[in-house]
N, C-alpha and C. Protein backbone atom coordinates (compact mmCIF):
# COMPACT_ATOMS: atom_id res chain seq x y z
N MET A 1 132.17 135.50 108.82
CA MET A 1 131.54 135.97 109.59
C MET A 1 130.13 135.61 109.71
N LEU A 2 129.41 135.61 108.40
CA LEU A 2 128.18 135.35 108.17
C LEU A 2 127.89 133.80 108.51
N GLN A 3 128.73 132.83 108.10
CA GLN A 3 128.61 131.68 108.37
C GLN A 3 128.55 131.29 109.95
N ILE A 4 129.25 132.05 110.88
CA ILE A 4 129.24 131.82 112.18
C ILE A 4 127.77 132.39 112.70
N VAL A 5 127.23 133.38 112.19
CA VAL A 5 126.07 134.09 112.43
C VAL A 5 124.94 132.96 112.20
N ILE A 6 124.85 132.23 111.18
CA ILE A 6 124.02 131.31 110.71
C ILE A 6 124.01 130.11 111.60
N PHE A 7 125.34 129.72 111.62
CA PHE A 7 125.37 128.49 112.69
C PHE A 7 125.02 128.85 113.96
N SER A 8 125.40 130.08 114.90
CA SER A 8 124.81 130.33 115.98
C SER A 8 123.22 130.37 116.06
N LEU A 9 122.58 130.81 114.99
CA LEU A 9 121.09 131.13 114.85
C LEU A 9 120.74 129.71 114.69
N LEU A 10 121.05 128.76 114.19
CA LEU A 10 120.66 127.59 113.74
C LEU A 10 120.83 126.73 115.25
N LEU A 11 121.93 126.86 115.85
CA LEU A 11 122.19 126.13 117.14
C LEU A 11 121.25 126.60 118.21
N LEU A 12 121.00 128.02 118.29
CA LEU A 12 119.98 128.59 119.20
C LEU A 12 118.68 128.11 118.89
N THR A 13 118.09 127.96 117.61
CA THR A 13 117.09 127.50 117.34
C THR A 13 116.81 126.07 117.83
N SER A 14 117.63 125.02 117.49
CA SER A 14 117.64 123.78 117.85
C SER A 14 117.68 123.89 119.55
N LEU A 15 118.46 124.68 120.19
CA LEU A 15 118.69 124.55 121.55
C LEU A 15 117.49 124.94 122.38
N LEU A 16 117.02 126.34 121.93
CA LEU A 16 116.24 127.13 122.56
C LEU A 16 114.58 126.72 122.09
N GLY A 17 114.52 126.03 120.99
CA GLY A 17 113.08 125.80 120.28
C GLY A 17 112.47 127.09 119.94
N ILE A 18 113.11 127.91 119.28
CA ILE A 18 112.38 129.20 119.05
C ILE A 18 111.48 128.64 117.78
N ALA A 19 110.27 129.47 117.73
CA ALA A 19 109.17 128.87 117.03
C ALA A 19 109.13 129.58 115.36
N ILE A 20 110.35 130.12 115.25
CA ILE A 20 110.59 130.66 113.58
C ILE A 20 111.62 129.66 113.00
N ILE A 21 111.29 129.30 111.81
CA ILE A 21 112.24 128.73 111.03
C ILE A 21 112.48 129.44 109.65
N ILE A 22 113.74 129.72 109.42
CA ILE A 22 114.00 130.45 108.07
C ILE A 22 114.11 129.50 107.02
N VAL A 23 113.52 129.67 106.08
CA VAL A 23 113.41 128.75 104.90
C VAL A 23 113.99 129.44 103.64
N THR A 24 115.27 129.15 103.23
CA THR A 24 115.85 130.03 102.15
C THR A 24 115.10 129.42 100.65
N SER A 25 115.06 130.56 99.70
CA SER A 25 114.47 130.22 98.66
C SER A 25 114.87 129.35 97.55
N LYS A 26 116.43 129.06 97.82
CA LYS A 26 117.10 128.24 96.84
C LYS A 26 118.24 127.55 97.56
N LEU A 27 118.71 126.43 97.22
CA LEU A 27 119.62 125.69 97.97
C LEU A 27 121.14 126.48 97.95
N GLY A 28 121.63 126.53 99.12
CA GLY A 28 122.74 127.21 99.25
C GLY A 28 122.83 128.85 99.44
N SER A 29 121.51 129.43 99.18
CA SER A 29 121.41 130.90 99.49
C SER A 29 121.64 131.37 100.99
N TRP A 30 122.11 132.39 101.37
CA TRP A 30 122.04 133.03 102.44
C TRP A 30 120.84 133.43 102.99
N ILE A 31 120.75 133.64 104.39
CA ILE A 31 119.42 134.33 104.89
C ILE A 31 119.44 135.76 104.21
N LEU A 32 120.50 136.41 104.42
CA LEU A 32 120.63 137.69 104.17
C LEU A 32 120.09 138.11 102.58
N ASP A 33 120.48 137.11 101.71
CA ASP A 33 120.19 137.29 100.40
C ASP A 33 118.54 137.10 100.05
N GLY A 34 117.96 136.47 101.05
CA GLY A 34 116.53 136.32 100.77
C GLY A 34 116.13 135.08 101.25
N GLY A 35 114.92 135.10 102.02
CA GLY A 35 114.47 133.95 102.61
C GLY A 35 113.02 134.17 103.02
N VAL A 36 112.40 132.92 103.44
CA VAL A 36 110.89 133.09 103.90
C VAL A 36 110.96 132.80 105.15
N ILE A 37 110.37 133.66 106.08
CA ILE A 37 110.25 133.21 107.52
C ILE A 37 109.06 132.69 107.79
N MET A 38 109.00 131.49 108.30
CA MET A 38 107.76 130.54 108.47
C MET A 38 107.66 130.13 109.93
N ASN A 39 106.51 130.18 110.44
CA ASN A 39 106.12 129.65 111.82
C ASN A 39 106.37 128.21 112.08
N LYS A 40 107.29 127.76 112.87
CA LYS A 40 107.16 126.19 113.14
C LYS A 40 105.88 125.64 113.41
N GLU A 41 105.03 126.17 114.08
CA GLU A 41 103.68 125.68 114.25
C GLU A 41 102.97 125.28 113.27
N THR A 42 103.08 126.44 112.38
CA THR A 42 102.34 126.29 111.01
C THR A 42 102.60 125.15 110.21
N ILE A 43 103.99 124.98 110.07
CA ILE A 43 104.71 123.78 109.41
C ILE A 43 104.16 122.52 109.94
N LEU A 44 104.34 122.40 111.22
CA LEU A 44 103.89 121.19 112.07
C LEU A 44 102.11 120.97 111.84
N GLN A 45 101.39 122.12 111.73
CA GLN A 45 100.01 121.81 111.60
C GLN A 45 99.82 121.30 110.09
N ARG A 46 100.51 121.85 109.15
CA ARG A 46 100.38 121.49 107.86
C ARG A 46 100.66 120.10 107.57
N SER A 47 101.65 119.62 108.28
CA SER A 47 102.40 118.29 108.13
C SER A 47 101.23 117.41 108.72
N ARG A 48 100.67 117.77 109.89
CA ARG A 48 99.57 116.85 110.52
C ARG A 48 98.33 116.74 109.69
N GLU A 49 97.97 117.88 109.30
CA GLU A 49 96.83 117.67 108.44
C GLU A 49 96.98 116.67 107.07
N GLU A 50 98.25 116.89 106.30
CA GLU A 50 98.59 115.95 105.28
C GLU A 50 98.50 114.69 105.78
N THR A 51 99.01 114.30 106.79
CA THR A 51 99.19 112.85 107.26
C THR A 51 97.74 112.53 107.66
N LYS A 52 96.73 113.22 108.11
CA LYS A 52 95.42 112.85 108.43
C LYS A 52 94.83 112.44 106.93
N LYS A 53 94.96 113.40 105.89
CA LYS A 53 94.57 113.36 104.65
C LYS A 53 94.78 112.08 103.81
N ASN A 54 96.22 111.76 104.04
CA ASN A 54 96.69 110.59 103.49
C ASN A 54 96.46 109.13 104.34
N LYS A 55 95.82 109.31 105.38
CA LYS A 55 95.42 108.06 106.21
C LYS A 55 96.91 107.41 106.77
N GLY A 56 97.51 108.41 107.39
CA GLY A 56 98.78 107.69 107.75
C GLY A 56 100.12 108.42 107.26
N ASP A 57 101.17 108.26 107.83
CA ASP A 57 102.50 108.85 107.24
C ASP A 57 102.97 107.72 106.04
N GLU A 58 103.95 108.27 105.46
CA GLU A 58 104.43 107.36 104.27
C GLU A 58 105.11 106.05 104.87
N LEU A 59 105.83 106.05 106.02
CA LEU A 59 106.10 104.88 106.43
C LEU A 59 105.04 103.68 106.67
N GLU A 60 103.81 104.11 107.38
CA GLU A 60 102.70 103.40 107.48
C GLU A 60 102.12 102.73 106.29
N THR A 61 101.95 103.59 105.39
CA THR A 61 101.31 103.30 104.15
C THR A 61 102.23 102.18 103.29
N ARG A 62 103.50 102.65 103.36
CA ARG A 62 104.34 101.49 102.68
C ARG A 62 104.30 100.21 103.24
N ASN A 63 104.31 100.37 104.78
CA ASN A 63 104.34 98.97 105.50
C ASN A 63 102.99 98.29 105.38
N LYS A 64 101.99 98.93 105.25
CA LYS A 64 100.59 98.39 104.96
C LYS A 64 100.57 97.79 103.62
N ASP A 65 101.23 98.37 102.59
CA ASP A 65 101.17 98.01 101.13
C ASP A 65 102.36 96.77 101.23
N LYS A 66 103.26 96.75 101.87
CA LYS A 66 103.96 95.70 101.90
C LYS A 66 103.39 94.31 102.39
N SER A 67 102.61 94.63 103.47
CA SER A 67 101.88 93.42 104.17
C SER A 67 100.85 92.94 103.32
N ASP A 68 100.12 93.98 102.42
CA ASP A 68 99.22 93.35 101.41
C ASP A 68 99.87 92.57 100.48
N HIS A 69 100.92 93.12 100.03
CA HIS A 69 101.57 92.44 98.79
C HIS A 69 102.06 91.01 99.37
N ILE A 70 102.57 90.85 100.53
CA ILE A 70 102.96 89.61 100.96
C ILE A 70 101.94 88.67 101.31
N ALA A 71 100.73 89.15 101.47
CA ALA A 71 99.57 88.28 101.68
C ALA A 71 99.00 87.55 100.51
N THR A 72 98.85 88.59 99.57
CA THR A 72 98.20 88.24 98.30
C THR A 72 99.39 87.31 97.48
N SER A 73 100.62 87.40 97.71
CA SER A 73 101.64 86.55 97.04
C SER A 73 101.58 85.26 97.39
N VAL A 74 101.48 85.20 98.99
CA VAL A 74 101.43 83.69 99.46
C VAL A 74 100.03 83.00 99.19
N ILE A 75 98.96 83.71 98.98
CA ILE A 75 97.79 83.12 98.50
C ILE A 75 98.11 82.57 97.13
N PHE A 76 98.51 83.46 96.32
CA PHE A 76 98.43 83.22 94.90
C PHE A 76 99.84 82.03 94.77
N ILE A 77 100.68 82.03 95.60
CA ILE A 77 101.68 80.82 95.46
C ILE A 77 101.27 79.49 95.86
N LEU A 78 100.10 79.41 96.90
CA LEU A 78 99.56 78.26 97.30
C LEU A 78 98.61 77.73 96.29
N ILE A 79 97.97 78.70 95.55
CA ILE A 79 97.03 78.19 94.66
C ILE A 79 97.86 77.77 93.28
N LEU A 80 98.79 78.21 93.14
CA LEU A 80 99.67 77.93 92.11
C LEU A 80 100.34 76.57 92.36
N ILE A 81 100.79 76.26 93.58
CA ILE A 81 101.24 74.89 93.92
C ILE A 81 100.41 73.79 93.75
N LEU A 82 99.00 74.23 94.23
CA LEU A 82 97.90 73.35 94.18
C LEU A 82 97.63 73.05 92.72
N ASN A 83 97.88 74.05 91.80
CA ASN A 83 97.54 73.75 90.28
C ASN A 83 98.51 72.86 89.81
N ILE A 84 99.64 73.20 90.06
CA ILE A 84 100.94 72.33 89.74
C ILE A 84 100.77 70.82 90.06
N LEU A 85 100.48 70.78 91.48
CA LEU A 85 100.26 69.27 91.79
C LEU A 85 98.95 68.68 91.23
N ASN A 86 97.95 69.34 90.92
CA ASN A 86 96.89 68.85 90.29
C ASN A 86 97.33 68.24 88.90
N TYR A 87 98.10 69.33 88.13
CA TYR A 87 98.54 69.12 86.73
C TYR A 87 99.47 67.77 86.48
N LEU A 88 100.41 67.54 87.77
CA LEU A 88 101.08 66.48 87.88
C LEU A 88 100.47 65.18 88.25
N HIS A 89 99.15 65.29 88.41
CA HIS A 89 98.21 64.20 89.05
C HIS A 89 98.72 63.67 90.27
N VAL A 90 99.22 64.56 91.36
CA VAL A 90 99.55 64.18 92.61
C VAL A 90 98.34 64.20 93.33
N ILE A 91 97.56 65.27 93.19
CA ILE A 91 96.25 65.45 93.71
C ILE A 91 95.30 65.64 92.42
N ASP A 92 94.12 64.94 92.58
CA ASP A 92 92.92 65.00 91.64
C ASP A 92 91.58 65.03 92.46
N GLY A 93 90.84 65.65 91.81
CA GLY A 93 89.24 65.79 92.38
C GLY A 93 88.58 66.46 91.63
N SER A 94 87.19 66.92 92.12
CA SER A 94 86.25 67.45 91.53
C SER A 94 85.50 68.18 92.90
N ILE A 95 84.81 69.27 92.39
CA ILE A 95 84.21 70.21 93.22
C ILE A 95 82.74 70.07 93.12
N GLN A 96 82.02 69.72 94.00
CA GLN A 96 80.45 69.47 93.70
C GLN A 96 79.77 70.70 94.14
N ILE A 97 79.10 71.52 93.12
CA ILE A 97 78.44 72.79 93.47
C ILE A 97 76.92 72.30 92.93
N GLY A 98 75.92 72.08 93.86
CA GLY A 98 74.48 71.91 93.54
C GLY A 98 74.49 70.33 92.70
N ALA A 99 73.89 70.53 91.63
CA ALA A 99 74.08 69.32 90.91
C ALA A 99 74.91 69.08 90.00
N SER A 100 75.93 70.21 89.94
CA SER A 100 77.12 70.15 88.84
C SER A 100 78.30 69.79 89.59
N THR A 101 79.17 69.09 88.84
CA THR A 101 80.34 68.83 89.24
C THR A 101 81.54 69.50 88.51
N LEU A 102 82.47 70.44 88.96
CA LEU A 102 83.52 70.98 88.49
C LEU A 102 84.72 70.22 88.59
N SER A 103 85.63 70.32 87.73
CA SER A 103 86.90 69.72 87.78
C SER A 103 87.83 70.69 88.96
N LEU A 104 88.67 70.07 89.48
CA LEU A 104 89.68 70.90 90.32
C LEU A 104 90.71 71.82 89.43
N THR A 105 90.79 71.11 88.27
CA THR A 105 91.93 71.96 87.18
C THR A 105 91.21 73.25 87.00
N GLY A 106 89.96 73.22 86.56
CA GLY A 106 89.20 74.31 86.14
C GLY A 106 89.03 75.25 87.30
N VAL A 107 88.61 74.89 88.38
CA VAL A 107 88.48 75.76 89.62
C VAL A 107 89.77 76.39 90.10
N LEU A 108 90.82 75.61 90.00
CA LEU A 108 92.05 76.42 90.50
C LEU A 108 92.75 77.18 89.32
N LEU A 109 92.52 77.00 87.99
CA LEU A 109 92.74 77.91 86.95
C LEU A 109 91.84 79.20 87.14
N PHE A 110 90.71 78.97 87.39
CA PHE A 110 89.75 80.24 87.65
C PHE A 110 90.30 81.09 88.79
N LEU A 111 90.63 80.42 89.91
CA LEU A 111 91.11 81.35 91.00
C LEU A 111 92.36 82.07 90.55
N ILE A 112 93.28 81.41 90.00
CA ILE A 112 94.37 81.97 89.53
C ILE A 112 94.24 83.28 88.65
N LEU A 113 93.47 83.04 87.54
CA LEU A 113 93.07 84.10 86.71
C LEU A 113 92.37 85.11 87.21
N THR A 114 91.31 84.71 88.19
CA THR A 114 90.57 85.74 89.00
C THR A 114 91.47 86.76 89.67
N PHE A 115 92.55 86.16 90.19
CA PHE A 115 93.53 86.92 91.20
C PHE A 115 94.38 87.79 90.23
N VAL A 116 94.70 87.41 88.96
CA VAL A 116 95.50 88.05 87.93
C VAL A 116 94.52 89.36 87.48
N VAL A 117 93.38 89.02 87.20
CA VAL A 117 92.45 89.91 86.78
C VAL A 117 92.21 91.20 87.66
N VAL A 118 91.97 90.82 88.91
CA VAL A 118 91.66 91.77 89.88
C VAL A 118 93.20 92.53 90.12
N LYS A 119 94.28 91.89 90.22
CA LYS A 119 95.54 92.60 90.40
C LYS A 119 95.78 93.69 89.20
N LEU A 120 95.65 93.19 87.79
CA LEU A 120 95.74 94.12 86.76
C LEU A 120 94.79 95.41 86.96
N SER A 121 93.56 94.97 87.18
CA SER A 121 92.52 96.12 87.39
C SER A 121 92.87 97.25 88.43
N SER A 122 93.34 96.66 89.56
CA SER A 122 93.72 97.56 90.29
C SER A 122 95.00 98.41 90.15
N MET A 123 95.95 97.76 89.33
CA MET A 123 97.18 98.27 88.86
C MET A 123 96.94 99.52 87.95
N TYR A 124 95.68 99.22 87.14
CA TYR A 124 95.37 100.23 86.01
C TYR A 124 94.70 101.48 86.81
N TYR A 125 93.83 100.99 87.78
CA TYR A 125 93.03 102.18 88.40
C TYR A 125 93.86 102.88 89.16
N TYR A 126 94.91 102.59 89.77
CA TYR A 126 95.74 103.27 90.48
C TYR A 126 96.86 103.90 89.71
N LEU A 127 97.56 103.39 88.69
CA LEU A 127 98.50 103.94 87.83
C LEU A 127 98.23 104.62 86.71
N ARG A 128 96.92 104.14 86.25
CA ARG A 128 96.32 104.66 84.78
C ARG A 128 97.50 104.45 83.72
N MET A 129 97.82 103.41 83.73
CA MET A 129 98.68 102.82 82.60
C MET A 129 97.94 101.79 81.71
N LYS A 130 97.75 102.19 80.21
CA LYS A 130 97.05 101.51 79.49
C LYS A 130 97.58 100.06 79.18
N LYS A 131 98.89 99.75 79.30
CA LYS A 131 99.34 98.28 79.16
C LYS A 131 98.58 97.38 80.35
N TYR A 132 98.23 98.02 81.57
CA TYR A 132 97.64 97.14 82.50
C TYR A 132 95.99 96.83 82.14
N LEU A 133 95.48 97.91 81.44
CA LEU A 133 94.24 97.67 80.83
C LEU A 133 94.04 96.71 79.86
N VAL A 134 94.97 96.81 78.92
CA VAL A 134 95.11 95.66 77.82
C VAL A 134 95.28 94.60 78.37
N MET A 135 96.38 94.32 79.13
CA MET A 135 96.41 92.72 79.84
C MET A 135 95.18 92.51 80.49
N ASP A 136 94.69 93.29 81.22
CA ASP A 136 93.47 93.03 82.24
C ASP A 136 92.56 92.34 81.01
N GLY A 137 92.21 93.14 79.97
CA GLY A 137 90.97 92.71 78.94
C GLY A 137 91.37 91.33 78.55
N LEU A 138 92.76 90.90 78.11
CA LEU A 138 93.10 89.72 77.79
C LEU A 138 92.97 88.78 78.63
N MET A 139 93.04 88.94 80.05
CA MET A 139 92.88 87.95 80.87
C MET A 139 91.67 87.82 81.13
N ILE A 140 90.66 88.64 81.05
CA ILE A 140 89.33 88.50 81.18
C ILE A 140 88.60 87.53 80.23
N LEU A 141 89.26 87.58 78.93
CA LEU A 141 88.82 87.02 77.72
C LEU A 141 89.03 85.41 78.06
N VAL A 142 90.28 85.24 78.60
CA VAL A 142 90.73 83.71 79.03
C VAL A 142 90.08 83.31 80.03
N LEU A 143 89.63 84.18 80.92
CA LEU A 143 88.71 83.73 82.25
C LEU A 143 87.43 83.50 81.74
N LEU A 144 86.88 84.11 80.63
CA LEU A 144 85.60 83.90 80.32
C LEU A 144 85.39 82.55 79.58
N MET A 145 86.57 82.09 78.62
CA MET A 145 86.67 80.92 78.05
C MET A 145 86.71 79.90 79.12
N ILE A 146 87.39 79.94 80.20
CA ILE A 146 87.66 78.83 81.20
C ILE A 146 86.16 78.66 81.84
N ILE A 147 85.52 79.95 82.18
CA ILE A 147 84.23 79.63 82.75
C ILE A 147 83.33 78.93 81.83
N TYR A 148 83.46 79.31 80.59
CA TYR A 148 82.61 78.58 79.61
C TYR A 148 82.70 76.95 79.59
N ARG A 149 84.11 76.87 79.67
CA ARG A 149 84.51 75.29 79.30
C ARG A 149 84.29 74.54 80.55
N MET A 150 84.18 75.29 81.78
CA MET A 150 83.78 74.51 83.20
C MET A 150 82.33 74.22 82.96
N PHE A 151 81.49 75.19 82.55
CA PHE A 151 80.18 75.00 82.43
C PHE A 151 79.80 73.97 81.42
N ILE A 152 80.55 74.00 80.50
CA ILE A 152 80.25 72.68 79.30
C ILE A 152 80.77 71.36 80.17
N GLU A 153 81.78 71.30 80.66
CA GLU A 153 82.23 69.93 81.45
C GLU A 153 81.04 69.64 82.39
N ALA A 154 80.76 70.54 83.11
CA ALA A 154 79.63 70.10 84.21
C ALA A 154 78.17 69.92 83.58
N GLY A 155 77.96 70.30 82.48
CA GLY A 155 76.94 69.86 81.86
C GLY A 155 75.65 70.92 82.17
N VAL A 156 76.33 72.06 82.52
CA VAL A 156 75.11 73.02 82.60
C VAL A 156 74.91 73.87 81.18
N LEU A 157 75.70 73.71 80.41
CA LEU A 157 75.47 74.30 79.01
C LEU A 157 75.28 73.30 77.95
C-alpha cells in the first residue's frame, strides 16, 4: 500500500509539476521513515549558481578540455614529425635570428621540451602531484642545457 502511495505521489509530482521534492535521507528509505522536504525552485537555483561558478556545466567543461587536448596533441605531433624528419636529414636548415644562426634541430627540440615543461607545470598546478613537479624540474634542466648548447653553436656565448 505504501508503495502505491509513493508511486502515485511521484507520478503526480512529474505530471502536475508540484514544487516540492521529497529527498530521502538514505537510499531505499521510505518517506514515512524520514526525509527532507525541499523546494524544487531552491534546488534549481542552487544548480544554476553552481553552473555559473564553475563557468559552464560538466559537459561543456569536458568538451572544452577535450578540444584543448586535441589541439595541443596535434601541434605536438607536428613538431615531433618535423624533428624526426630533421633527424633523418629529410629536411635540414637553420633559423636566422639577428646576427645568430640557430640549427633547426635545436629549435625543434626546444619547442618540444617547452611544450612538455608547460604541460607538466600545468598538471602539477591543477593536480598537486609531486611526481609532475619532479619531472618538470628535470625537463627544465634539459631545456636549459639545450638553450645553452644552442647559444654556444650560434656563437653568442
